[in-house]
């Protein structure tokens, strides 16, 4: 957890009160040093059997108006952060010939709605990395799975920033106000009784952990689907065919897409 002694102290206390089996370690996945220190402490207590990457930030706004620095900030947390944690646990998992990595993506890791482009790009990157890694570590008995949640009331929107270039936003005229209206609409829906509950995502994690090794699907869509489940089903035969055409099926243990 990032800033566990500061702004997230309340969340830390709530988690520790919920279960005596929860151990909170301060870690910023956007920092090489923080991840190295955090996992040194974790691995000192024992090997990691399951890694779930769920840290992330999301910006909503006119895409052109976000600075390169803001785009990089999202990549650091959502994409490079996951790579850092995976690289911390993979040596131990390969040595043990077992392990499970679950990377939390999003529906926008497959589709690209307007005004979410910088966030969507991070999730597309994470999905591509996860798909390729899945093949490579399968011969070591390690599964890599992607969870693609739809909209949930988790407070993710609050992690966002206003686009750095306000003048660019203003130059879009009537479109400039659409992202804020969109955000308000989503916020209202996610507070309603009809909104899917975040527990569904937790249940998806648990289901993947409980599945036999080698039988876990690459992608699991949770909640509102926006047709992404259909996209995944349509793409799988193509992905499988690519492995055959590259003559890598046997080399990679016959793992399915």
C-alpha atoms as a PDB file:
ATOM      1  CA  UNK A   1       0.000   0.000   0.000  1.00  0.00           C
ATOM      2  CA  UNK A   2       1.341   3.432  -0.936  1.00  0.00           C
ATOM      3  CA  UNK A   3       1.738   5.988   1.867  1.00  0.00           C
ATOM      4  CA  UNK A   4       0.397   3.570   4.470  1.00  0.00           C
ATOM      5  CA  UNK A   5       1.486   5.847   7.300  1.00  0.00           C
ATOM      6  CA  UNK A   6       0.015   8.967   5.688  1.00  0.00           C
ATOM      7  CA  UNK A   7      -3.085   9.479   3.579  1.00  0.00           C
ATOM      8  CA  UNK A   8      -3.864   5.749   3.486  1.00  0.00           C
ATOM      9  CA  UNK A   9      -3.413   5.190   7.218  1.00  0.00           C
ATOM     10  CA  UNK A  10      -7.164   4.795   7.669  1.00  0.00           C
ATOM     11  CA  UNK A  11      -7.363   2.098   5.001  1.00  0.00           C
ATOM     12  CA  UNK A  12      -4.399   0.323   6.555  1.00  0.00           C
ATOM     13  CA  UNK A  13      -6.057   0.317   9.975  1.00  0.00           C
ATOM     14  CA  UNK A  14      -9.339  -0.952   8.525  1.00  0.00           C
ATOM     15  CA  UNK A  15      -7.620  -3.834   6.737  1.00  0.00           C
ATOM     16  CA  UNK A  16      -5.654  -4.832   9.815  1.00  0.00           C
ATOM     17  CA  UNK A  17      -8.817  -4.705  11.914  1.00  0.00           C
ATOM     18  CA  UNK A  18     -10.602  -6.911   9.379  1.00  0.00           C
ATOM     19  CA  UNK A  19      -8.132  -9.783   9.715  1.00  0.00           C
ATOM     20  CA  UNK A  20      -5.113 -10.646  11.813  1.00  0.00           C
ATOM     21  CA  UNK A  21      -3.702 -12.450   8.780  1.00  0.00           C
ATOM     22  CA  UNK A  22      -3.284  -9.224   6.809  1.00  0.00           C
ATOM     23  CA  UNK A  23       0.164  -7.649   6.758  1.00  0.00           C
ATOM     24  CA  UNK A  24       0.451  -4.181   5.208  1.00  0.00           C
ATOM     25  CA  UNK A  25       3.747  -3.108   3.644  1.00  0.00           C
ATOM     26  CA  UNK A  26       4.313   0.425   2.389  1.00  0.00           C
ATOM     27  CA  UNK A  27       5.109   0.273  -1.312  1.00  0.00           C
ATOM     28  CA  UNK A  28       4.874   2.597  -4.299  1.00  0.00           C
ATOM     29  CA  UNK A  29       4.802   0.470  -7.453  1.00  0.00           C
ATOM     30  CA  UNK A  30       5.971   3.483  -9.469  1.00  0.00           C
ATOM     31  CA  UNK A  31       9.322   3.385  -7.656  1.00  0.00           C
ATOM     32  CA  UNK A  32      12.068   0.831  -8.340  1.00  0.00           C
ATOM     33  CA  UNK A  33      13.525   1.321  -4.867  1.00  0.00           C
ATOM     34  CA  UNK A  34      10.178   1.062  -3.089  1.00  0.00           C
ATOM     35  CA  UNK A  35       9.241  -2.172  -4.868  1.00  0.00           C
ATOM     36  CA  UNK A  36      12.682  -3.678  -4.243  1.00  0.00           C
ATOM     37  CA  UNK A  37      12.497  -2.807  -0.547  1.00  0.00           C
ATOM     38  CA  UNK A  38       8.905  -3.971  -0.204  1.00  0.00           C
ATOM     39  CA  UNK A  39       9.489  -7.341  -1.809  1.00  0.00           C
ATOM     40  CA  UNK A  40      12.703  -7.876   0.124  1.00  0.00           C
ATOM     41  CA  UNK A  41      10.587  -7.693   3.268  1.00  0.00           C
ATOM     42  CA  UNK A  42       7.823  -9.855   1.787  1.00  0.00           C
ATOM     43  CA  UNK A  43      10.162 -12.578   0.525  1.00  0.00           C
ATOM     44  CA  UNK A  44      11.978 -12.632   3.856  1.00  0.00           C
ATOM     45  CA  UNK A  45       8.739 -14.052   5.284  1.00  0.00           C
ATOM     46  CA  UNK A  46       8.395 -16.746   2.616  1.00  0.00           C
ATOM     47  CA  UNK A  47       7.761 -17.327  -1.091  1.00  0.00           C
ATOM     48  CA  UNK A  48       4.940 -15.659  -3.009  1.00  0.00           C
ATOM     49  CA  UNK A  49       2.432 -18.149  -4.430  1.00  0.00           C
ATOM     50  CA  UNK A  50      -0.020 -15.617  -5.881  1.00  0.00           C
ATOM     51  CA  UNK A  51       0.577 -12.048  -7.036  1.00  0.00           C
ATOM     52  CA  UNK A  52      -2.397  -9.792  -7.809  1.00  0.00           C
ATOM     53  CA  UNK A  53      -1.560  -6.478  -9.466  1.00  0.00           C
ATOM     54  CA  UNK A  54      -4.409  -4.094  -8.725  1.00  0.00           C
ATOM     55  CA  UNK A  55      -2.728  -0.715  -8.191  1.00  0.00           C
ATOM     56  CA  UNK A  56      -3.696   1.918 -10.717  1.00  0.00           C
ATOM     57  CA  UNK A  57      -4.656   5.488 -11.536  1.00  0.00           C
ATOM     58  CA  UNK A  58      -7.053   6.805 -14.184  1.00  0.00           C
ATOM     59  CA  UNK A  59      -7.262  10.171 -15.916  1.00  0.00           C
ATOM     60  CA  UNK A  60     -10.365  11.315 -17.798  1.00  0.00           C
ATOM     61  CA  UNK A  61     -10.257  14.285 -20.150  1.00  0.00           C
ATOM     62  CA  UNK A  62      -9.385  15.653 -23.575  1.00  0.00           C
ATOM     63  CA  UNK A  63      -6.541  13.389 -24.653  1.00  0.00           C
ATOM     64  CA  UNK A  64      -4.470  16.043 -26.410  1.00  0.00           C
ATOM     65  CA  UNK A  65      -4.584  18.203 -23.279  1.00  0.00           C
ATOM     66  CA  UNK A  66      -2.743  15.717 -21.076  1.00  0.00           C
ATOM     67  CA  UNK A  67       0.988  16.321 -20.882  1.00  0.00           C
ATOM     68  CA  UNK A  68       3.570  13.679 -21.701  1.00  0.00           C
ATOM     69  CA  UNK A  69       4.486  13.730 -18.003  1.00  0.00           C
ATOM     70  CA  UNK A  70       0.899  12.851 -17.090  1.00  0.00           C
ATOM     71  CA  UNK A  71       0.857  10.010 -19.611  1.00  0.00           C
ATOM     72  CA  UNK A  72       4.136   8.722 -18.177  1.00  0.00           C
ATOM     73  CA  UNK A  73       2.770   8.910 -14.636  1.00  0.00           C
ATOM     74  CA  UNK A  74      -0.082   6.587 -15.551  1.00  0.00           C
ATOM     75  CA  UNK A  75       2.280   4.209 -17.324  1.00  0.00           C
ATOM     76  CA  UNK A  76       4.551   4.114 -14.264  1.00  0.00           C
ATOM     77  CA  UNK A  77       1.722   3.025 -11.982  1.00  0.00           C
ATOM     78  CA  UNK A  78      -0.447   0.922 -14.282  1.00  0.00           C
ATOM     79  CA  UNK A  79       2.116  -0.756 -16.543  1.00  0.00           C
ATOM     80  CA  UNK A  80       5.705  -0.441 -15.318  1.00  0.00           C
ATOM     81  CA  UNK A  81       4.515  -0.923 -11.738  1.00  0.00           C
ATOM     82  CA  UNK A  82       3.101  -4.322 -12.645  1.00  0.00           C
ATOM     83  CA  UNK A  83       6.328  -5.265 -14.415  1.00  0.00           C
ATOM     84  CA  UNK A  84       8.314  -4.344 -11.297  1.00  0.00           C
ATOM     85  CA  UNK A  85       6.239  -6.571  -9.041  1.00  0.00           C
ATOM     86  CA  UNK A  86       6.207  -9.456 -11.517  1.00  0.00           C
ATOM     87  CA  UNK A  87       9.971  -9.365 -11.866  1.00  0.00           C
ATOM     88  CA  UNK A  88      10.228  -9.466  -8.076  1.00  0.00           C
ATOM     89  CA  UNK A  89       8.295 -12.739  -7.774  1.00  0.00           C
ATOM     90  CA  UNK A  90       9.041 -14.612 -10.996  1.00  0.00           C
ATOM     91  CA  UNK A  91      12.483 -15.987 -10.018  1.00  0.00           C
ATOM     92  CA  UNK A  92      10.985 -17.667  -6.955  1.00  0.00           C
ATOM     93  CA  UNK A  93       7.983 -18.946  -8.883  1.00  0.00           C
ATOM     94  CA  UNK A  94      10.198 -20.426 -11.601  1.00  0.00           C
ATOM     95  CA  UNK A  95      12.345 -22.123  -8.974  1.00  0.00           C
ATOM     96  CA  UNK A  96       9.223 -23.563  -7.338  1.00  0.00           C
ATOM     97  CA  UNK A  97       7.737 -24.571 -10.708  1.00  0.00           C
ATOM     98  CA  UNK A  98       4.425 -23.036  -9.683  1.00  0.00           C
ATOM     99  CA  UNK A  99       2.726 -19.713  -9.183  1.00  0.00           C
ATOM    100  CA  UNK A 100      -0.112 -17.467 -10.277  1.00  0.00           C
ATOM    101  CA  UNK A 101       0.025 -13.855 -11.431  1.00  0.00           C
ATOM    102  CA  UNK A 102      -3.261 -11.985 -11.855  1.00  0.00           C
ATOM    103  CA  UNK A 103      -3.035  -8.627 -13.601  1.00  0.00           C
ATOM    104  CA  UNK A 104      -6.001  -6.312 -13.263  1.00  0.00           C
ATOM    105  CA  UNK A 105      -6.709  -4.665 -16.582  1.00  0.00           C
ATOM    106  CA  UNK A 106     -10.033  -3.138 -17.643  1.00  0.00           C
ATOM    107  CA  UNK A 107     -12.573  -3.304 -20.432  1.00  0.00           C
ATOM    108  CA  UNK A 108     -10.596  -0.416 -21.924  1.00  0.00           C
ATOM    109  CA  UNK A 109      -7.626  -2.742 -22.195  1.00  0.00           C
ATOM    110  CA  UNK A 110      -9.492  -4.154 -25.191  1.00  0.00           C
ATOM    111  CA  UNK A 111     -11.586  -1.193 -26.375  1.00  0.00           C
ATOM    112  CA  UNK A 112     -10.679   2.494 -26.526  1.00  0.00           C
ATOM    113  CA  UNK A 113     -13.461   4.934 -25.599  1.00  0.00           C
ATOM    114  CA  UNK A 114     -12.907   8.662 -26.110  1.00  0.00           C
ATOM    115  CA  UNK A 115     -11.473  10.718 -23.235  1.00  0.00           C
ATOM    116  CA  UNK A 116      -9.906   7.634 -21.595  1.00  0.00           C
ATOM    117  CA  UNK A 117      -7.070   7.271 -24.105  1.00  0.00           C
ATOM    118  CA  UNK A 118      -4.107   7.760 -21.754  1.00  0.00           C
ATOM    119  CA  UNK A 119      -5.584   5.281 -19.265  1.00  0.00           C
ATOM    120  CA  UNK A 120      -6.635   2.877 -22.004  1.00  0.00           C
ATOM    121  CA  UNK A 121      -3.096   2.888 -23.420  1.00  0.00           C
ATOM    122  CA  UNK A 122      -1.698   1.644 -20.103  1.00  0.00           C
ATOM    123  CA  UNK A 123      -4.165  -1.227 -19.997  1.00  0.00           C
ATOM    124  CA  UNK A 124      -3.534  -2.206 -23.621  1.00  0.00           C
ATOM    125  CA  UNK A 125       0.167  -2.311 -22.738  1.00  0.00           C
ATOM    126  CA  UNK A 126      -0.473  -4.445 -19.660  1.00  0.00           C
ATOM    127  CA  UNK A 127      -2.616  -6.873 -21.642  1.00  0.00           C
ATOM    128  CA  UNK A 128      -0.005  -7.297 -24.360  1.00  0.00           C
ATOM    129  CA  UNK A 129       2.737  -7.890 -21.800  1.00  0.00           C
ATOM    130  CA  UNK A 130       0.598 -10.335 -19.834  1.00  0.00           C
ATOM    131  CA  UNK A 131      -0.399 -12.320 -22.921  1.00  0.00           C
ATOM    132  CA  UNK A 132       3.201 -12.765 -24.055  1.00  0.00           C
ATOM    133  CA  UNK A 133       4.477 -13.512 -20.553  1.00  0.00           C
ATOM    134  CA  UNK A 134       1.781 -16.135 -20.085  1.00  0.00           C
ATOM    135  CA  UNK A 135       3.267 -18.185 -22.903  1.00  0.00           C
ATOM    136  CA  UNK A 136       6.844 -17.820 -21.686  1.00  0.00           C
ATOM    137  CA  UNK A 137       6.308 -18.838 -18.064  1.00  0.00           C
ATOM    138  CA  UNK A 138       3.773 -21.602 -18.678  1.00  0.00           C
ATOM    139  CA  UNK A 139       6.526 -24.250 -19.069  1.00  0.00           C
ATOM    140  CA  UNK A 140       7.593 -23.363 -15.503  1.00  0.00           C
ATOM    141  CA  UNK A 141       4.139 -24.193 -14.131  1.00  0.00           C
ATOM    142  CA  UNK A 142       3.224 -20.510 -13.746  1.00  0.00           C
ATOM    143  CA  UNK A 143      -0.135 -19.093 -14.852  1.00  0.00           C
ATOM    144  CA  UNK A 144      -0.658 -15.469 -15.864  1.00  0.00           C
ATOM    145  CA  UNK A 145      -4.291 -14.356 -15.904  1.00  0.00           C
ATOM    146  CA  UNK A 146      -5.897 -11.044 -16.813  1.00  0.00           C
ATOM    147  CA  UNK A 147      -9.017  -9.726 -15.073  1.00  0.00           C
ATOM    148  CA  UNK A 148     -10.975  -7.118 -17.025  1.00  0.00           C
ATOM    149  CA  UNK A 149     -13.446  -5.306 -14.746  1.00  0.00           C
ATOM    150  CA  UNK A 150     -16.119  -3.028 -16.116  1.00  0.00           C
ATOM    151  CA  UNK A 151     -17.093   0.155 -14.243  1.00  0.00           C
ATOM    152  CA  UNK A 152     -17.206  -0.285 -10.469  1.00  0.00           C
ATOM    153  CA  UNK A 153     -17.565   2.163  -7.595  1.00  0.00           C
ATOM    154  CA  UNK A 154     -14.027   1.769  -6.287  1.00  0.00           C
ATOM    155  CA  UNK A 155     -12.963   5.414  -6.184  1.00  0.00           C
ATOM    156  CA  UNK A 156     -10.594   4.990  -9.138  1.00  0.00           C
ATOM    157  CA  UNK A 157     -11.890   8.178 -10.730  1.00  0.00           C
ATOM    158  CA  UNK A 158     -10.681  10.142  -7.699  1.00  0.00           C
ATOM    159  CA  UNK A 159      -7.099   9.185  -8.575  1.00  0.00           C
ATOM    160  CA  UNK A 160      -7.226  11.300 -11.735  1.00  0.00           C
ATOM    161  CA  UNK A 161      -5.816  14.688 -12.596  1.00  0.00           C
ATOM    162  CA  UNK A 162      -7.066  17.597 -14.668  1.00  0.00           C
ATOM    163  CA  UNK A 163      -5.334  17.785 -18.061  1.00  0.00           C
ATOM    164  CA  UNK A 164      -2.219  19.942 -17.772  1.00  0.00           C
ATOM    165  CA  UNK A 165      -2.945  21.997 -20.877  1.00  0.00           C
ATOM    166  CA  UNK A 166      -6.156  23.833 -20.052  1.00  0.00           C
ATOM    167  CA  UNK A 167      -5.860  25.999 -23.149  1.00  0.00           C
ATOM    168  CA  UNK A 168      -5.985  22.902 -25.324  1.00  0.00           C
ATOM    169  CA  UNK A 169      -9.087  21.675 -23.502  1.00  0.00           C
ATOM    170  CA  UNK A 170     -10.774  25.047 -24.024  1.00  0.00           C
ATOM    171  CA  UNK A 171     -10.004  24.975 -27.740  1.00  0.00           C
ATOM    172  CA  UNK A 172     -12.225  21.905 -28.124  1.00  0.00           C
ATOM    173  CA  UNK A 173     -15.333  24.058 -27.615  1.00  0.00           C
ATOM    174  CA  UNK A 174     -18.441  22.112 -26.662  1.00  0.00           C
ATOM    175  CA  UNK A 175     -16.464  18.874 -26.442  1.00  0.00           C
ATOM    176  CA  UNK A 176     -14.423  20.333 -23.583  1.00  0.00           C
ATOM    177  CA  UNK A 177     -17.268  19.756 -21.133  1.00  0.00           C
ATOM    178  CA  UNK A 178     -18.062  16.200 -22.191  1.00  0.00           C
ATOM    179  CA  UNK A 179     -15.480  14.389 -20.000  1.00  0.00           C
ATOM    180  CA  UNK A 180     -16.770  16.047 -16.821  1.00  0.00           C
ATOM    181  CA  UNK A 181     -20.367  15.251 -17.748  1.00  0.00           C
ATOM    182  CA  UNK A 182     -19.336  11.696 -18.512  1.00  0.00           C
ATOM    183  CA  UNK A 183     -17.612  11.392 -15.143  1.00  0.00           C
ATOM    184  CA  UNK A 184     -20.672  12.731 -13.326  1.00  0.00           C
ATOM    185  CA  UNK A 185     -22.908  10.261 -15.153  1.00  0.00           C
ATOM    186  CA  UNK A 186     -20.687   7.324 -14.227  1.00  0.00           C
ATOM    187  CA  UNK A 187     -20.443   8.512 -10.615  1.00  0.00           C
ATOM    188  CA  UNK A 188     -24.228   8.693 -10.306  1.00  0.00           C
ATOM    189  CA  UNK A 189     -24.675   5.246 -11.824  1.00  0.00           C
ATOM    190  CA  UNK A 190     -21.994   3.659  -9.646  1.00  0.00           C
ATOM    191  CA  UNK A 191     -23.735   4.957  -6.524  1.00  0.00           C
ATOM    192  CA  UNK A 192     -27.071   3.481  -7.597  1.00  0.00           C
ATOM    193  CA  UNK A 193     -28.555   0.129  -6.606  1.00  0.00           C
ATOM    194  CA  UNK A 194     -28.202  -1.111 -10.193  1.00  0.00           C
ATOM    195  CA  UNK A 195     -24.421  -0.754 -10.184  1.00  0.00           C
ATOM    196  CA  UNK A 196     -22.376  -3.967  -9.978  1.00  0.00           C
ATOM    197  CA  UNK A 197     -20.650  -4.440  -6.643  1.00  0.00           C
ATOM    198  CA  UNK A 198     -16.819  -4.526  -6.355  1.00  0.00           C
ATOM    199  CA  UNK A 199     -17.112  -7.863  -4.529  1.00  0.00           C
ATOM    200  CA  UNK A 200     -17.583  -9.409  -7.984  1.00  0.00           C
ATOM    201  CA  UNK A 201     -13.959  -8.601  -8.791  1.00  0.00           C
ATOM    202  CA  UNK A 202     -12.782 -10.151  -5.534  1.00  0.00           C
ATOM    203  CA  UNK A 203     -14.838 -13.245  -6.328  1.00  0.00           C
ATOM    204  CA  UNK A 204     -13.150 -13.450  -9.753  1.00  0.00           C
ATOM    205  CA  UNK A 205      -9.723 -13.340  -8.096  1.00  0.00           C
ATOM    206  CA  UNK A 206     -10.704 -16.102  -5.676  1.00  0.00           C
ATOM    207  CA  UNK A 207     -12.132 -18.248  -8.474  1.00  0.00           C
ATOM    208  CA  UNK A 208      -8.876 -17.978 -10.430  1.00  0.00           C
ATOM    209  CA  UNK A 209      -6.803 -18.875  -7.377  1.00  0.00           C
ATOM    210  CA  UNK A 210      -8.995 -21.924  -6.730  1.00  0.00           C
ATOM    211  CA  UNK A 211      -8.762 -23.233 -10.311  1.00  0.00           C
ATOM    212  CA  UNK A 212      -6.254 -25.981 -11.130  1.00  0.00           C
ATOM    213  CA  UNK A 213      -2.927 -24.766 -12.493  1.00  0.00           C
ATOM    214  CA  UNK A 214      -2.845 -24.767 -16.272  1.00  0.00           C
ATOM    215  CA  UNK A 215      -6.639 -24.532 -16.529  1.00  0.00           C
ATOM    216  CA  UNK A 216      -7.066 -20.834 -15.822  1.00  0.00           C
ATOM    217  CA  UNK A 217      -8.399 -18.673 -18.676  1.00  0.00           C
ATOM    218  CA  UNK A 218      -6.215 -15.879 -19.984  1.00  0.00           C
ATOM    219  CA  UNK A 219      -8.958 -13.279 -19.586  1.00  0.00           C
ATOM    220  CA  UNK A 220     -11.913 -12.924 -17.230  1.00  0.00           C
ATOM    221  CA  UNK A 221     -14.438 -10.128 -17.767  1.00  0.00           C
ATOM    222  CA  UNK A 222     -16.242  -8.978 -14.619  1.00  0.00           C
ATOM    223  CA  UNK A 223     -19.421  -6.912 -14.320  1.00  0.00           C
ATOM    224  CA  UNK A 224     -20.641  -4.855 -17.268  1.00  0.00           C
ATOM    225  CA  UNK A 225     -19.008  -6.346 -20.355  1.00  0.00           C
ATOM    226  CA  UNK A 226     -19.542  -3.855 -23.222  1.00  0.00           C
ATOM    227  CA  UNK A 227     -19.024  -6.829 -25.532  1.00  0.00           C
ATOM    228  CA  UNK A 228     -15.434  -7.447 -24.432  1.00  0.00           C
ATOM    229  CA  UNK A 229     -16.245 -11.055 -23.541  1.00  0.00           C
ATOM    230  CA  UNK A 230     -17.298 -11.547 -27.164  1.00  0.00           C
ATOM    231  CA  UNK A 231     -14.111  -9.867 -28.386  1.00  0.00           C
ATOM    232  CA  UNK A 232     -11.997 -12.182 -26.266  1.00  0.00           C
ATOM    233  CA  UNK A 233     -13.775 -15.269 -27.576  1.00  0.00           C
ATOM    234  CA  UNK A 234     -13.375 -14.095 -31.177  1.00  0.00           C
ATOM    235  CA  UNK A 235      -9.671 -13.308 -30.779  1.00  0.00           C
ATOM    236  CA  UNK A 236      -8.634 -16.544 -29.086  1.00  0.00           C
ATOM    237  CA  UNK A 237      -8.612 -18.730 -32.229  1.00  0.00           C
ATOM    238  CA  UNK A 238      -6.487 -16.101 -33.995  1.00  0.00           C
ATOM    239  CA  UNK A 239      -4.013 -16.002 -31.119  1.00  0.00           C
ATOM    240  CA  UNK A 240      -3.815 -19.803 -31.104  1.00  0.00           C
ATOM    241  CA  UNK A 241      -3.246 -19.821 -34.860  1.00  0.00           C
ATOM    242  CA  UNK A 242      -0.362 -17.369 -34.529  1.00  0.00           C
ATOM    243  CA  UNK A 243       1.412 -19.774 -32.160  1.00  0.00           C
ATOM    244  CA  UNK A 244       0.997 -22.576 -34.661  1.00  0.00           C
ATOM    245  CA  UNK A 245       2.265 -20.444 -37.540  1.00  0.00           C
ATOM    246  CA  UNK A 246       5.295 -19.404 -35.477  1.00  0.00           C
ATOM    247  CA  UNK A 247       5.885 -23.084 -34.659  1.00  0.00           C
ATOM    248  CA  UNK A 248       5.940 -22.321 -30.936  1.00  0.00           C
ATOM    249  CA  UNK A 249       3.120 -24.547 -29.719  1.00  0.00           C
ATOM    250  CA  UNK A 250       5.307 -27.365 -28.419  1.00  0.00           C
ATOM    251  CA  UNK A 251       8.046 -25.076 -27.152  1.00  0.00           C
ATOM    252  CA  UNK A 252       5.609 -23.184 -24.935  1.00  0.00           C
ATOM    253  CA  UNK A 253       3.883 -26.184 -23.462  1.00  0.00           C
ATOM    254  CA  UNK A 254       0.742 -25.938 -25.589  1.00  0.00           C
ATOM    255  CA  UNK A 255      -0.725 -23.176 -23.423  1.00  0.00           C
ATOM    256  CA  UNK A 256      -3.953 -21.737 -24.800  1.00  0.00           C
ATOM    257  CA  UNK A 257      -4.517 -18.055 -25.378  1.00  0.00           C
END
